[in-house]
Protein backbone atom coordinates (compact mmCIF):
# COMPACT_ATOMS: atom_id res chain seq x y z
CA UNK A 1 120.51 183.96 62.85
CA UNK A 2 119.38 187.34 64.10
CA UNK A 3 115.92 188.57 63.23
CA UNK A 4 114.76 192.17 63.09
CA UNK A 5 111.23 193.50 62.99
CA UNK A 6 110.68 196.70 61.05
CA UNK A 7 107.39 198.59 61.23
CA UNK A 8 106.55 200.82 58.27
CA UNK A 9 103.64 203.17 57.81
CA UNK A 10 101.52 202.91 54.67
CA UNK A 11 102.90 206.25 53.57
CA UNK A 12 106.48 205.02 53.90
CA UNK A 13 105.77 201.88 51.88
CA UNK A 14 104.29 203.97 49.06
CA UNK A 15 107.26 206.36 49.13
CA UNK A 16 109.69 203.42 48.98
CA UNK A 17 108.33 202.49 45.59
CA UNK A 18 108.18 206.09 44.31
CA UNK A 19 111.65 207.48 44.96
CA UNK A 20 115.16 206.41 45.85
CA UNK A 21 115.47 208.91 48.71
CA UNK A 22 112.89 207.07 50.83
CA UNK A 23 114.64 203.75 50.16
CA UNK A 24 117.99 205.27 51.10
CA UNK A 25 116.54 206.61 54.36
CA UNK A 26 115.04 203.24 55.23
CA UNK A 27 118.27 201.45 54.40
CA UNK A 28 120.23 203.92 56.51
CA UNK A 29 117.93 203.38 59.50
CA UNK A 30 118.05 199.60 59.17
CA UNK A 31 121.83 199.51 58.82
CA UNK A 32 122.27 201.82 61.80
CA UNK A 33 120.11 199.54 63.94
CA UNK A 34 121.98 196.44 62.79
CA UNK A 35 125.35 198.07 63.47
CA UNK A 36 124.20 199.27 66.89
CA UNK A 37 123.07 195.75 67.75
CA UNK A 38 126.46 194.38 66.67
CA UNK A 39 128.32 196.98 68.76
CA UNK A 40 126.18 196.15 71.78
CA UNK A 41 126.86 192.44 71.33
CA UNK A 42 130.62 193.02 71.00
CA UNK A 43 130.64 195.28 74.08
CA UNK A 44 128.86 192.57 76.07
CA UNK A 45 131.33 189.93 74.83
CA UNK A 46 134.31 192.09 75.78
CA UNK A 47 132.97 192.70 79.27
CA UNK A 48 133.25 188.99 80.10
CA UNK A 49 136.70 188.05 81.43
CA UNK A 50 138.42 185.55 79.16
CA UNK A 51 140.75 184.23 81.82
CA UNK A 52 138.30 183.12 84.47
CA UNK A 53 138.05 185.04 87.69
CA UNK A 54 141.72 186.07 87.92
CA UNK A 55 142.44 189.14 85.75
CA UNK A 56 146.17 188.82 86.57
CA UNK A 57 146.42 185.40 84.90
CA UNK A 58 147.44 186.70 81.43
CA UNK A 59 150.22 188.77 83.02
CA UNK A 60 151.48 185.84 85.11
CA UNK A 61 151.45 183.61 82.02
CA UNK A 62 153.41 186.21 80.07
CA UNK A 63 155.97 186.51 82.88
CA UNK A 64 156.32 182.70 83.01
CA UNK A 65 156.90 182.54 79.25
CA UNK A 66 159.51 185.31 79.39
CA UNK A 67 161.37 183.71 82.27
CA UNK A 68 161.65 180.42 80.35
CA UNK A 69 163.43 182.04 77.41
């Protein structure tokens, strides 16, 4: 489970309870940060080779499968 820490000023907390615009702005900022964290995590996952050290392995496997048929 991912945890996020959000720091709010006293003024922001008071505005959150007074109008919907402040809540919408806070929600937008939080969602943008969460989405950015997800994108960063996906980018890091995609940068790791899935086929070990040999990037040609998927191609050689595909060629082997095609030659068998």
